[in-house]
PDB file of N, CA and C in Angstrom:
ATOM      1  N   MET A   1      90.264   0.764  65.063  1.00  0.00           N
ATOM      2  CA  MET A   1      88.834   0.634  64.826  1.00  0.00           C
ATOM      3  C   MET A   1      88.428   1.360  63.554  1.00  0.00           C
ATOM      4  N   SER A   2      89.143   2.383  63.157  1.00  0.00           N
ATOM      5  CA  SER A   2      88.711   3.157  61.993  1.00  0.00           C
ATOM      6  C   SER A   2      88.783   2.336  60.708  1.00  0.00           C
ATOM      7  N   ASN A   3      89.771   1.445  60.579  1.00  0.00           N
ATOM      8  CA  ASN A   3      89.848   0.620  59.362  1.00  0.00           C
ATOM      9  C   ASN A   3      88.624  -0.274  59.233  1.00  0.00           C
ATOM     10  N   LYS A   4      88.192  -0.832  60.349  1.00  0.00           N
ATOM     11  CA  LYS A   4      87.000  -1.675  60.326  1.00  0.00           C
ATOM     12  C   LYS A   4      85.767  -0.828  59.980  1.00  0.00           C
ATOM     13  N   SER A   5      85.699   0.364  60.516  1.00  0.00           N
ATOM     14  CA  SER A   5      84.569   1.250  60.239  1.00  0.00           C
ATOM     15  C   SER A   5      84.535   1.659  58.777  1.00  0.00           C
ATOM     16  N   GLU A   6      85.698   2.006  58.228  1.00  0.00           N
ATOM     17  CA  GLU A   6      85.765   2.394  56.830  1.00  0.00           C
ATOM     18  C   GLU A   6      85.334   1.241  55.929  1.00  0.00           C
ATOM     19  N   LEU A   7      85.871   0.073  56.195  1.00  0.00           N
ATOM     20  CA  LEU A   7      85.555  -1.087  55.380  1.00  0.00           C
ATOM     21  C   LEU A   7      84.068  -1.435  55.447  1.00  0.00           C
ATOM     22  N   ALA A   8      83.501  -1.353  56.638  1.00  0.00           N
ATOM     23  CA  ALA A   8      82.075  -1.644  56.801  1.00  0.00           C
ATOM     24  C   ALA A   8      81.223  -0.642  56.018  1.00  0.00           C
ATOM     25  N   CYS A   9      81.605   0.624  56.041  1.00  0.00           N
ATOM     26  CA  CYS A   9      80.857   1.643  55.301  1.00  0.00           C
ATOM     27  C   CYS A   9      81.018   1.466  53.797  1.00  0.00           C
ATOM     28  N   ILE A  10      82.197   1.068  53.370  1.00  0.00           N
ATOM     29  CA  ILE A  10      82.418   0.825  51.939  1.00  0.00           C
ATOM     30  C   ILE A  10      81.529  -0.310  51.452  1.00  0.00           C
ATOM     31  N   TYR A  11      81.537  -1.406  52.203  1.00  0.00           N
ATOM     32  CA  TYR A  11      80.701  -2.547  51.811  1.00  0.00           C
ATOM     33  C   TYR A  11      79.215  -2.184  51.834  1.00  0.00           C
ATOM     34  N   SER A  12      78.817  -1.410  52.815  1.00  0.00           N
ATOM     35  CA  SER A  12      77.409  -0.991  52.892  1.00  0.00           C
ATOM     36  C   SER A  12      77.035  -0.138  51.685  1.00  0.00           C
ATOM     37  N   ALA A  13      77.907   0.786  51.326  1.00  0.00           N
ATOM     38  CA  ALA A  13      77.642   1.640  50.169  1.00  0.00           C
ATOM     39  C   ALA A  13      77.585   0.818  48.892  1.00  0.00           C
ATOM     40  N   LEU A  14      78.467  -0.170  48.770  1.00  0.00           N
ATOM     41  CA  LEU A  14      78.449  -1.021  47.578  1.00  0.00           C
ATOM     42  C   LEU A  14      77.172  -1.851  47.501  1.00  0.00           C
ATOM     43  N   ILE A  15      76.688  -2.288  48.638  1.00  0.00           N
ATOM     44  CA  ILE A  15      75.417  -3.023  48.666  1.00  0.00           C
ATOM     45  C   ILE A  15      74.290  -2.131  48.176  1.00  0.00           C
ATOM     46  N   LEU A  16      74.273  -0.896  48.650  1.00  0.00           N
ATOM     47  CA  LEU A  16      73.220   0.041  48.232  1.00  0.00           C
ATOM     48  C   LEU A  16      73.309   0.324  46.731  1.00  0.00           C
ATOM     49  N   VAL A  17      74.512   0.534  46.234  1.00  0.00           N
ATOM     50  CA  VAL A  17      74.690   0.816  44.805  1.00  0.00           C
ATOM     51  C   VAL A  17      74.267  -0.391  43.976  1.00  0.00           C
ATOM     52  N   ASP A  18      74.626  -1.578  44.418  1.00  0.00           N
ATOM     53  CA  ASP A  18      74.268  -2.788  43.683  1.00  0.00           C
ATOM     54  C   ASP A  18      72.753  -2.976  43.623  1.00  0.00           C
ATOM     55  N   ASP A  19      72.053  -2.587  44.690  1.00  0.00           N
ATOM     56  CA  ASP A  19      70.593  -2.694  44.711  1.00  0.00           C
ATOM     57  C   ASP A  19      69.914  -1.478  44.092  1.00  0.00           C
ATOM     58  N   GLU A  20      70.731  -0.564  43.531  1.00  0.00           N
ATOM     59  CA  GLU A  20      70.240   0.667  42.895  1.00  0.00           C
ATOM     60  C   GLU A  20      69.404   1.509  43.855  1.00  0.00           C
ATOM     61  N   VAL A  21      69.907   1.636  45.078  1.00  0.00           N
ATOM     62  CA  VAL A  21      69.281   2.456  46.105  1.00  0.00           C
ATOM     63  C   VAL A  21      70.206   3.644  46.348  1.00  0.00           C
ATOM     64  N   ALA A  22      69.630   4.803  46.575  1.00  0.00           N
ATOM     65  CA  ALA A  22      70.431   5.995  46.839  1.00  0.00           C
ATOM     66  C   ALA A  22      71.271   5.793  48.094  1.00  0.00           C
ATOM     67  N   VAL A  23      72.529   6.210  48.032  1.00  0.00           N
ATOM     68  CA  VAL A  23      73.441   6.047  49.158  1.00  0.00           C
ATOM     69  C   VAL A  23      73.282   7.247  50.084  1.00  0.00           C
ATOM     70  N   THR A  24      72.719   6.991  51.253  1.00  0.00           N
ATOM     71  CA  THR A  24      72.583   8.031  52.276  1.00  0.00           C
ATOM     72  C   THR A  24      73.176   7.509  53.579  1.00  0.00           C
ATOM     73  N   GLY A  25      73.464   8.419  54.464  1.00  0.00           N
ATOM     74  CA  GLY A  25      74.012   8.038  55.755  1.00  0.00           C
ATOM     75  C   GLY A  25      73.073   7.149  56.540  1.00  0.00           C
ATOM     76  N   GLU A  26      71.772   7.431  56.454  1.00  0.00           N
ATOM     77  CA  GLU A  26      70.787   6.633  57.187  1.00  0.00           C
ATOM     78  C   GLU A  26      70.721   5.202  56.654  1.00  0.00           C
ATOM     79  N   LYS A  27      70.787   5.067  55.345  1.00  0.00           N
ATOM     80  CA  LYS A  27      70.705   3.728  54.754  1.00  0.00           C
ATOM     81  C   LYS A  27      71.968   2.923  55.049  1.00  0.00           C
ATOM     82  N   ILE A  28      73.117   3.586  55.031  1.00  0.00           N
ATOM     83  CA  ILE A  28      74.357   2.907  55.408  1.00  0.00           C
ATOM     84  C   ILE A  28      74.267   2.449  56.858  1.00  0.00           C
ATOM     85  N   GLN A  29      73.764   3.328  57.719  1.00  0.00           N
ATOM     86  CA  GLN A  29      73.628   2.992  59.139  1.00  0.00           C
ATOM     87  C   GLN A  29      72.658   1.817  59.332  1.00  0.00           C
ATOM     88  N   THR A  30      71.594   1.769  58.548  1.00  0.00           N
ATOM     89  CA  THR A  30      70.632   0.670  58.639  1.00  0.00           C
ATOM     90  C   THR A  30      71.295  -0.668  58.293  1.00  0.00           C
ATOM     91  N   ILE A  31      72.101  -0.669  57.233  1.00  0.00           N
ATOM     92  CA  ILE A  31      72.798  -1.903  56.854  1.00  0.00           C
ATOM     93  C   ILE A  31      73.794  -2.306  57.932  1.00  0.00           C
ATOM     94  N   LEU A  32      74.485  -1.336  58.493  1.00  0.00           N
ATOM     95  CA  LEU A  32      75.464  -1.631  59.538  1.00  0.00           C
ATOM     96  C   LEU A  32      74.792  -2.205  60.781  1.00  0.00           C
ATOM     97  N   LYS A  33      73.626  -1.660  61.128  1.00  0.00           N
ATOM     98  CA  LYS A  33      72.890  -2.203  62.280  1.00  0.00           C
ATOM     99  C   LYS A  33      72.423  -3.624  62.007  1.00  0.00           C
ATOM    100  N   ALA A  34      71.966  -3.885  60.779  1.00  0.00           N
ATOM    101  CA  ALA A  34      71.504  -5.232  60.429  1.00  0.00           C
ATOM    102  C   ALA A  34      72.659  -6.230  60.478  1.00  0.00           C
ATOM    103  N   ALA A  35      73.869  -5.753  60.183  1.00  0.00           N
ATOM    104  CA  ALA A  35      75.042  -6.623  60.211  1.00  0.00           C
ATOM    105  C   ALA A  35      75.687  -6.660  61.592  1.00  0.00           C
ATOM    106  N   ALA A  36      75.122  -5.929  62.540  1.00  0.00           N
ATOM    107  CA  ALA A  36      75.643  -5.852  63.912  1.00  0.00           C
ATOM    108  C   ALA A  36      77.078  -5.329  63.944  1.00  0.00           C
ATOM    109  N   VAL A  37      77.335  -4.281  63.144  1.00  0.00           N
ATOM    110  CA  VAL A  37      78.653  -3.654  63.104  1.00  0.00           C
ATOM    111  C   VAL A  37      78.535  -2.275  63.742  1.00  0.00           C
ATOM    112  N   ASP A  38      79.348  -2.042  64.767  1.00  0.00           N
ATOM    113  CA  ASP A  38      79.344  -0.746  65.444  1.00  0.00           C
ATOM    114  C   ASP A  38      80.435   0.133  64.847  1.00  0.00           C
ATOM    115  N   VAL A  39      80.038   1.316  64.404  1.00  0.00           N
ATOM    116  CA  VAL A  39      80.991   2.296  63.876  1.00  0.00           C
ATOM    117  C   VAL A  39      80.723   3.629  64.546  1.00  0.00           C
ATOM    118  N   ASP A  40      81.697   4.502  64.480  1.00  0.00           N
ATOM    119  CA  ASP A  40      81.494   5.854  64.997  1.00  0.00           C
ATOM    120  C   ASP A  40      80.389   6.521  64.182  1.00  0.00           C
ATOM    121  N   PRO A  41      79.588   7.349  64.819  1.00  0.00           N
ATOM    122  CA  PRO A  41      78.408   7.893  64.134  1.00  0.00           C
ATOM    123  C   PRO A  41      78.708   8.777  62.921  1.00  0.00           C
ATOM    124  N   TYR A  42      79.918   9.276  62.794  1.00  0.00           N
ATOM    125  CA  TYR A  42      80.211  10.167  61.669  1.00  0.00           C
ATOM    126  C   TYR A  42      80.560   9.416  60.386  1.00  0.00           C
ATOM    127  N   TRP A  43      80.927   8.139  60.467  1.00  0.00           N
ATOM    128  CA  TRP A  43      81.343   7.394  59.283  1.00  0.00           C
ATOM    129  C   TRP A  43      80.263   7.264  58.206  1.00  0.00           C
ATOM    130  N   PRO A  44      79.048   6.841  58.525  1.00  0.00           N
ATOM    131  CA  PRO A  44      78.044   6.692  57.453  1.00  0.00           C
ATOM    132  C   PRO A  44      77.766   7.995  56.701  1.00  0.00           C
ATOM    133  N   GLY A  45      77.640   9.087  57.421  1.00  0.00           N
ATOM    134  CA  GLY A  45      77.395  10.374  56.767  1.00  0.00           C
ATOM    135  C   GLY A  45      78.574  10.821  55.925  1.00  0.00           C
ATOM    136  N   LEU A  46      79.775  10.531  56.406  1.00  0.00           N
ATOM    137  CA  LEU A  46      80.976  10.894  55.678  1.00  0.00           C
ATOM    138  C   LEU A  46      81.051  10.170  54.335  1.00  0.00           C
ATOM    139  N   PHE A  47      80.767   8.878  54.353  1.00  0.00           N
ATOM    140  CA  PHE A  47      80.794   8.107  53.108  1.00  0.00           C
ATOM    141  C   PHE A  47      79.657   8.511  52.179  1.00  0.00           C
ATOM    142  N   ALA A  48      78.496   8.785  52.726  1.00  0.00           N
ATOM    143  CA  ALA A  48      77.371   9.211  51.890  1.00  0.00           C
ATOM    144  C   ALA A  48      77.690  10.539  51.211  1.00  0.00           C
ATOM    145  N   LYS A  49      78.313  11.438  51.946  1.00  0.00           N
ATOM    146  CA  LYS A  49      78.673  12.752  51.392  1.00  0.00           C
ATOM    147  C   LYS A  49      79.754  12.599  50.315  1.00  0.00           C
ATOM    148  N   ALA A  50      80.704  11.688  50.545  1.00  0.00           N
ATOM    149  CA  ALA A  50      81.782  11.479  49.581  1.00  0.00           C
ATOM    150  C   ALA A  50      81.264  10.890  48.273  1.00  0.00           C
ATOM    151  N   LEU A  51      80.224  10.079  48.343  1.00  0.00           N
ATOM    152  CA  LEU A  51      79.695   9.432  47.143  1.00  0.00           C
ATOM    153  C   LEU A  51      78.554  10.216  46.498  1.00  0.00           C
ATOM    154  N   GLU A  52      78.235  11.352  47.051  1.00  0.00           N
ATOM    155  CA  GLU A  52      77.142  12.168  46.531  1.00  0.00           C
ATOM    156  C   GLU A  52      77.481  12.663  45.124  1.00  0.00           C
ATOM    157  N   GLY A  53      76.610  12.365  44.190  1.00  0.00           N
ATOM    158  CA  GLY A  53      76.795  12.825  42.815  1.00  0.00           C
ATOM    159  C   GLY A  53      77.785  11.990  42.007  1.00  0.00           C
ATOM    160  N   ILE A  54      78.239  10.865  42.537  1.00  0.00           N
ATOM    161  CA  ILE A  54      79.194  10.013  41.831  1.00  0.00           C
ATOM    162  C   ILE A  54      78.486   8.735  41.392  1.00  0.00           C
ATOM    163  N   ASN A  55      78.693   8.365  40.147  1.00  0.00           N
ATOM    164  CA  ASN A  55      78.147   7.111  39.646  1.00  0.00           C
ATOM    165  C   ASN A  55      79.145   6.014  39.991  1.00  0.00           C
ATOM    166  N   VAL A  56      78.904   5.302  41.068  1.00  0.00           N
ATOM    167  CA  VAL A  56      79.843   4.313  41.592  1.00  0.00           C
ATOM    168  C   VAL A  56      80.019   3.145  40.623  1.00  0.00           C
ATOM    169  N   LYS A  57      78.984   2.746  39.943  1.00  0.00           N
ATOM    170  CA  LYS A  57      79.105   1.629  38.985  1.00  0.00           C
ATOM    171  C   LYS A  57      80.079   1.990  37.861  1.00  0.00           C
ATOM    172  N   ASP A  58      79.990   3.206  37.340  1.00  0.00           N
ATOM    173  CA  ASP A  58      80.931   3.636  36.312  1.00  0.00           C
ATOM    174  C   ASP A  58      82.342   3.716  36.872  1.00  0.00           C
ATOM    175  N   LEU A  59      82.454   4.176  38.091  1.00  0.00           N
ATOM    176  CA  LEU A  59      83.756   4.284  38.734  1.00  0.00           C
ATOM    177  C   LEU A  59      84.414   2.912  38.861  1.00  0.00           C
ATOM    178  N   ILE A  60      83.644   1.924  39.240  1.00  0.00           N
ATOM    179  CA  ILE A  60      84.173   0.572  39.417  1.00  0.00           C
ATOM    180  C   ILE A  60      84.520  -0.059  38.078  1.00  0.00           C
ATOM    181  N   THR A  61      83.680   0.125  37.076  1.00  0.00           N
ATOM    182  CA  THR A  61      83.932  -0.516  35.785  1.00  0.00           C
ATOM    183  C   THR A  61      85.065   0.151  35.014  1.00  0.00           C
ATOM    184  N   ASN A  62      85.413   1.387  35.340  1.00  0.00           N
ATOM    185  CA  ASN A  62      86.478   2.095  34.631  1.00  0.00           C
ATOM    186  C   ASN A  62      87.781   2.120  35.407  1.00  0.00           C
ATOM    187  N   VAL A  63      87.953   1.236  36.351  1.00  0.00           N
ATOM    188  CA  VAL A  63      89.173   1.215  37.144  1.00  0.00           C
ATOM    189  C   VAL A  63      90.381   0.925  36.272  1.00  0.00           C
ATOM    190  N   GLY A  64      90.266   0.033  35.331  1.00  0.00           N
ATOM    191  CA  GLY A  64      91.391  -0.339  34.479  1.00  0.00           C
ATOM    192  C   GLY A  64      91.676   0.656  33.375  1.00  0.00           C
ATOM    193  N   ALA A  65      90.776   1.572  33.121  1.00  0.00           N
ATOM    194  CA  ALA A  65      90.972   2.550  32.055  1.00  0.00           C
ATOM    195  C   ALA A  65      91.901   3.647  32.549  1.00  0.00           C
ATOM    196  N   GLY A  66      93.061   3.725  31.958  1.00  0.00           N
ATOM    197  CA  GLY A  66      94.037   4.731  32.349  1.00  0.00           C
ATOM    198  C   GLY A  66      93.802   6.035  31.630  1.00  0.00           C
ATOM    199  N   VAL A  67      94.611   7.017  31.948  1.00  0.00           N
ATOM    200  CA  VAL A  67      94.492   8.335  31.333  1.00  0.00           C
ATOM    201  C   VAL A  67      94.776   8.257  29.842  1.00  0.00           C
ATOM    202  N   GLY A  68      95.735   7.445  29.450  1.00  0.00           N
ATOM    203  CA  GLY A  68      96.098   7.328  28.048  1.00  0.00           C
ATOM    204  C   GLY A  68      95.071   6.584  27.215  1.00  0.00           C
ATOM    205  N   ALA A  69      94.192   5.845  27.833  1.00  0.00           N
ATOM    206  CA  ALA A  69      93.230   5.054  27.074  1.00  0.00           C
ATOM    207  C   ALA A  69      92.137   5.920  26.457  1.00  0.00           C
ATOM    208  N   GLY A  70      91.828   7.050  27.039  1.00  0.00           N
ATOM    209  CA  GLY A  70      90.761   7.902  26.530  1.00  0.00           C
ATOM    210  C   GLY A  70      91.011   8.391  25.120  1.00  0.00           C
ATOM    211  N   PRO A  71      92.127   9.055  24.847  1.00  0.00           N
ATOM    212  CA  PRO A  71      92.367   9.540  23.497  1.00  0.00           C
ATOM    213  C   PRO A  71      92.516   8.426  22.475  1.00  0.00           C
ATOM    214  N   ALA A  72      93.050   7.295  22.850  1.00  0.00           N
ATOM    215  CA  ALA A  72      93.226   6.211  21.894  1.00  0.00           C
ATOM    216  C   ALA A  72      91.881   5.691  21.414  1.00  0.00           C
ATOM    217  N   VAL A  73      90.905   5.629  22.300  1.00  0.00           N
ATOM    218  CA  VAL A  73      89.580   5.161  21.926  1.00  0.00           C
ATOM    219  C   VAL A  73      88.927   6.166  20.995  1.00  0.00           C
ATOM    220  N   GLY A  74      89.054   7.442  21.285  1.00  0.00           N
ATOM    221  CA  GLY A  74      88.458   8.470  20.448  1.00  0.00           C
ATOM    222  C   GLY A  74      89.174   8.612  19.123  1.00  0.00           C
ATOM    223  N   ALA A  75      90.449   8.337  19.092  1.00  0.00           N
ATOM    224  CA  ALA A  75      91.237   8.506  17.881  1.00  0.00           C
ATOM    225  C   ALA A  75      91.015   7.361  16.900  1.00  0.00           C
ATOM    226  N   ALA A  76      90.599   6.207  17.371  1.00  0.00           N
ATOM    227  CA  ALA A  76      90.438   5.057  16.484  1.00  0.00           C
ATOM    228  C   ALA A  76      89.397   5.301  15.390  1.00  0.00           C
ATOM    229  N   PRO A  77      88.198   5.803  15.701  1.00  0.00           N
ATOM    230  CA  PRO A  77      87.245   6.060  14.624  1.00  0.00           C
ATOM    231  C   PRO A  77      87.715   7.162  13.680  1.00  0.00           C
ATOM    232  N   ALA A  78      88.391   8.153  14.190  1.00  0.00           N
ATOM    233  CA  ALA A  78      88.868   9.240  13.350  1.00  0.00           C
ATOM    234  C   ALA A  78      89.940   8.734  12.391  1.00  0.00           C
ATOM    235  N   ALA A  79      90.809   7.864  12.867  1.00  0.00           N
ATOM    236  CA  ALA A  79      91.867   7.339  12.018  1.00  0.00           C
ATOM    237  C   ALA A  79      91.293   6.433  10.937  1.00  0.00           C
ATOM    238  N   ALA A  80      90.246   5.708  11.251  1.00  0.00           N
ATOM    239  CA  ALA A  80      89.649   4.813  10.269  1.00  0.00           C
ATOM    240  C   ALA A  80      89.028   5.600   9.119  1.00  0.00           C
ATOM    241  N   GLY A  81      88.478   6.758   9.401  1.00  0.00           N
ATOM    242  CA  GLY A  81      87.843   7.562   8.370  1.00  0.00           C
ATOM    243  C   GLY A  81      88.797   8.521   7.694  1.00  0.00           C
ATOM    244  N   ALA A  82      90.005   8.657   8.208  1.00  0.00           N
ATOM    245  CA  ALA A  82      90.959   9.608   7.653  1.00  0.00           C
ATOM    246  C   ALA A  82      91.627   9.032   6.402  1.00  0.00           C
ATOM    247  N   ALA A  83      92.325   9.906   5.690  1.00  0.00           N
ATOM    248  CA  ALA A  83      93.038   9.483   4.485  1.00  0.00           C
ATOM    249  C   ALA A  83      94.193   8.569   4.864  1.00  0.00           C
ATOM    250  N   PRO A  84      94.647   7.705   3.947  1.00  0.00           N
ATOM    251  CA  PRO A  84      95.748   6.789   4.249  1.00  0.00           C
ATOM    252  C   PRO A  84      97.045   7.515   4.593  1.00  0.00           C
ATOM    253  N   GLU A  85      97.161   8.780   4.236  1.00  0.00           N
ATOM    254  CA  GLU A  85      98.369   9.547   4.517  1.00  0.00           C
ATOM    255  C   GLU A  85      98.532   9.819   6.006  1.00  0.00           C
ATOM    256  N   ALA A  86      97.480   9.705   6.779  1.00  0.00           N
ATOM    257  CA  ALA A  86      97.537  10.036   8.202  1.00  0.00           C
ATOM    258  C   ALA A  86      98.419   9.064   8.972  1.00  0.00           C
ATOM    259  N   ALA A  87      98.424   7.800   8.623  1.00  0.00           N
ATOM    260  CA  ALA A  87      99.205   6.804   9.361  1.00  0.00           C
ATOM    261  C   ALA A  87     100.707   7.071   9.266  1.00  0.00           C
ATOM    262  N   PRO A  88     101.272   7.312   8.085  1.00  0.00           N
ATOM    263  CA  PRO A  88     102.706   7.599   8.037  1.00  0.00           C
ATOM    264  C   PRO A  88     103.072   8.874   8.800  1.00  0.00           C
ATOM    265  N   ALA A  89     102.195   9.853   8.799  1.00  0.00           N
ATOM    266  CA  ALA A  89     102.472  11.088   9.524  1.00  0.00           C
ATOM    267  C   ALA A  89     102.554  10.818  11.017  1.00  0.00           C
ATOM    268  N   GLU A  90     101.673   9.951  11.514  1.00  0.00           N
ATOM    269  CA  GLU A  90     101.705   9.610  12.930  1.00  0.00           C
ATOM    270  C   GLU A  90     102.991   8.878  13.279  1.00  0.00           C
ATOM    271  N   LYS A  91     103.445   7.982  12.396  1.00  0.00           N
ATOM    272  CA  LYS A  91     104.681   7.247  12.650  1.00  0.00           C
ATOM    273  C   LYS A  91     105.868   8.197  12.692  1.00  0.00           C
ATOM    274  N   LYS A  92     105.884   9.186  11.799  1.00  0.00           N
ATOM    275  CA  LYS A  92     106.968  10.158  11.785  1.00  0.00           C
ATOM    276  C   LYS A  92     106.985  10.961  13.078  1.00  0.00           C
ATOM    277  N   GLU A  93     105.794  11.349  13.569  1.00  0.00           N
ATOM    278  CA  GLU A  93     105.715  12.110  14.815  1.00  0.00           C
ATOM    279  C   GLU A  93     106.209  11.280  15.989  1.00  0.00           C
ATOM    280  N   GLU A  94     105.844   9.999  16.015  1.00  0.00           N
ATOM    281  CA  GLU A  94     106.284   9.124  17.094  1.00  0.00           C
ATOM    282  C   GLU A  94     107.796   8.961  17.071  1.00  0.00           C
ATOM    283  N   ALA A  95     108.356   8.783  15.863  1.00  0.00           N
ATOM    284  CA  ALA A  95     109.802   8.629  15.740  1.00  0.00           C
ATOM    285  C   ALA A  95     110.509   9.911  16.177  1.00  0.00           C
ATOM    286  N   LYS A  96     109.946  11.049  15.803  1.00  0.00           N
ATOM    287  CA  LYS A  96     110.538  12.331  16.170  1.00  0.00           C
ATOM    288  C   LYS A  96     110.507  12.527  17.681  1.00  0.00           C
ATOM    289  N   LYS A  97     109.382  12.188  18.316  1.00  0.00           N
ATOM    290  CA  LYS A  97     109.276  12.303  19.765  1.00  0.00           C
ATOM    291  C   LYS A  97     110.274  11.382  20.450  1.00  0.00           C
ATOM    292  N   LYS A  98     110.441  10.175  19.909  1.00  0.00           N
ATOM    293  CA  LYS A  98     111.375   9.215  20.498  1.00  0.00           C
ATOM    294  C   LYS A  98     112.801   9.750  20.397  1.00  0.00           C
ATOM    295  N   GLU A  99     113.162  10.322  19.238  1.00  0.00           N
ATOM    296  CA  GLU A  99     114.497  10.887  19.067  1.00  0.00           C
ATOM    297  C   GLU A  99     114.722  12.045  20.018  1.00  0.00           C
ATOM    298  N   GLU A 100     113.714  12.898  20.200  1.00  0.00           N
ATOM    299  CA  GLU A 100     113.847  14.040  21.092  1.00  0.00           C
ATOM    300  C   GLU A 100     114.071  13.582  22.532  1.00  0.00           C
ATOM    301  N   SER A 101     113.358  12.542  22.945  1.00  0.00           N
ATOM    302  CA  SER A 101     113.511  12.066  24.316  1.00  0.00           C
ATOM    303  C   SER A 101     114.897  11.458  24.519  1.00  0.00           C
ATOM    304  N   GLU A 102     115.438  10.773  23.515  1.00  0.00           N
ATOM    305  CA  GLU A 102     116.776  10.214  23.625  1.00  0.00           C
ATOM    306  C   GLU A 102     117.812  11.325  23.677  1.00  0.00           C
ATOM    307  N   GLU A 103     117.622  12.369  22.878  1.00  0.00           N
ATOM    308  CA  GLU A 103     118.556  13.488  22.866  1.00  0.00           C
ATOM    309  C   GLU A 103     118.549  14.218  24.199  1.00  0.00           C
ATOM    310  N   SER A 104     117.383  14.354  24.791  1.00  0.00           N
ATOM    311  CA  SER A 104     117.311  15.084  26.056  1.00  0.00           C
ATOM    312  C   SER A 104     118.065  14.344  27.144  1.00  0.00           C
ATOM    313  N   ASP A 105     118.094  13.011  27.101  1.00  0.00           N
ATOM    314  CA  ASP A 105     118.866  12.250  28.077  1.00  0.00           C
ATOM    315  C   ASP A 105     120.366  12.480  27.870  1.00  0.00           C
ATOM    316  N   ASP A 106     120.786  12.531  26.605  1.00  0.00           N
ATOM    317  CA  ASP A 106     122.203  12.746  26.311  1.00  0.00           C
ATOM    318  C   ASP A 106     122.643  14.136  26.728  1.00  0.00           C
ATOM    319  N   ASP A 107     121.790  15.122  26.565  1.00  0.00           N
ATOM    320  CA  ASP A 107     122.145  16.490  26.902  1.00  0.00           C
ATOM    321  C   ASP A 107     122.398  16.655  28.394  1.00  0.00           C
ATOM    322  N   MET A 108     121.740  15.883  29.221  1.00  0.00           N
ATOM    323  CA  MET A 108     121.894  16.016  30.659  1.00  0.00           C
ATOM    324  C   MET A 108     123.092  15.237  31.185  1.00  0.00           C
ATOM    325  N   GLY A 109     123.738  14.475  30.338  1.00  0.00           N
ATOM    326  CA  GLY A 109     124.876  13.707  30.785  1.00  0.00           C
ATOM    327  C   GLY A 109     124.492  12.363  31.390  1.00  0.00           C
ATOM    328  N   PHE A 110     123.244  12.018  31.311  1.00  0.00           N
ATOM    329  CA  PHE A 110     122.804  10.744  31.818  1.00  0.00           C
ATOM    330  C   PHE A 110     122.786   9.732  30.685  1.00  0.00           C
ATOM    331  N   GLY A 111     123.229   8.555  30.956  1.00  0.00           N
ATOM    332  CA  GLY A 111     123.181   7.509  29.973  1.00  0.00           C
ATOM    333  C   GLY A 111     122.847   6.199  30.654  1.00  0.00           C
ATOM    334  N   LEU A 112     122.507   5.249  29.885  1.00  0.00           N
ATOM    335  CA  LEU A 112     122.129   3.959  30.421  1.00  0.00           C
ATOM    336  C   LEU A 112     123.291   3.261  31.117  1.00  0.00           C
ATOM    337  N   PHE A 113     124.499   3.433  30.579  1.00  0.00           N
ATOM    338  CA  PHE A 113     125.644   2.712  31.111  1.00  0.00           C
ATOM    339  C   PHE A 113     126.600   3.608  31.873  1.00  0.00           C
ATOM    340  N   ASP A 114     126.190   4.790  32.294  1.00  0.00           N
ATOM    341  CA  ASP A 114     127.073   5.693  33.071  1.00  0.00           C
ATOM    342  C   ASP A 114     127.124   5.304  34.521  1.00  0.00           C
TER     343      ASP A 114
END
């Protein structure tokens, strides 16, 4: 029963967020009653507390943005305004990092074909 309760509360919270209404336990419970879904009484309050202070729309729209995407976006404007010498320096650093990672594999005795 808990999976059904969780899912019902998630959908209720998403409905509230989509309508730009504050997510509270009472409002989640109201939607659940209107949908004739019975859940344990602690679920609506639990979900409301979990979503307190969180911008759910931003959370949903940034699902595909990984940890590595943040610096790349910020670095793009800086690289465009930087001197042309910056690009070769970055390539050298990348090549150096790649060589170091290959060397570290060899040092441990691990190889691709071992």
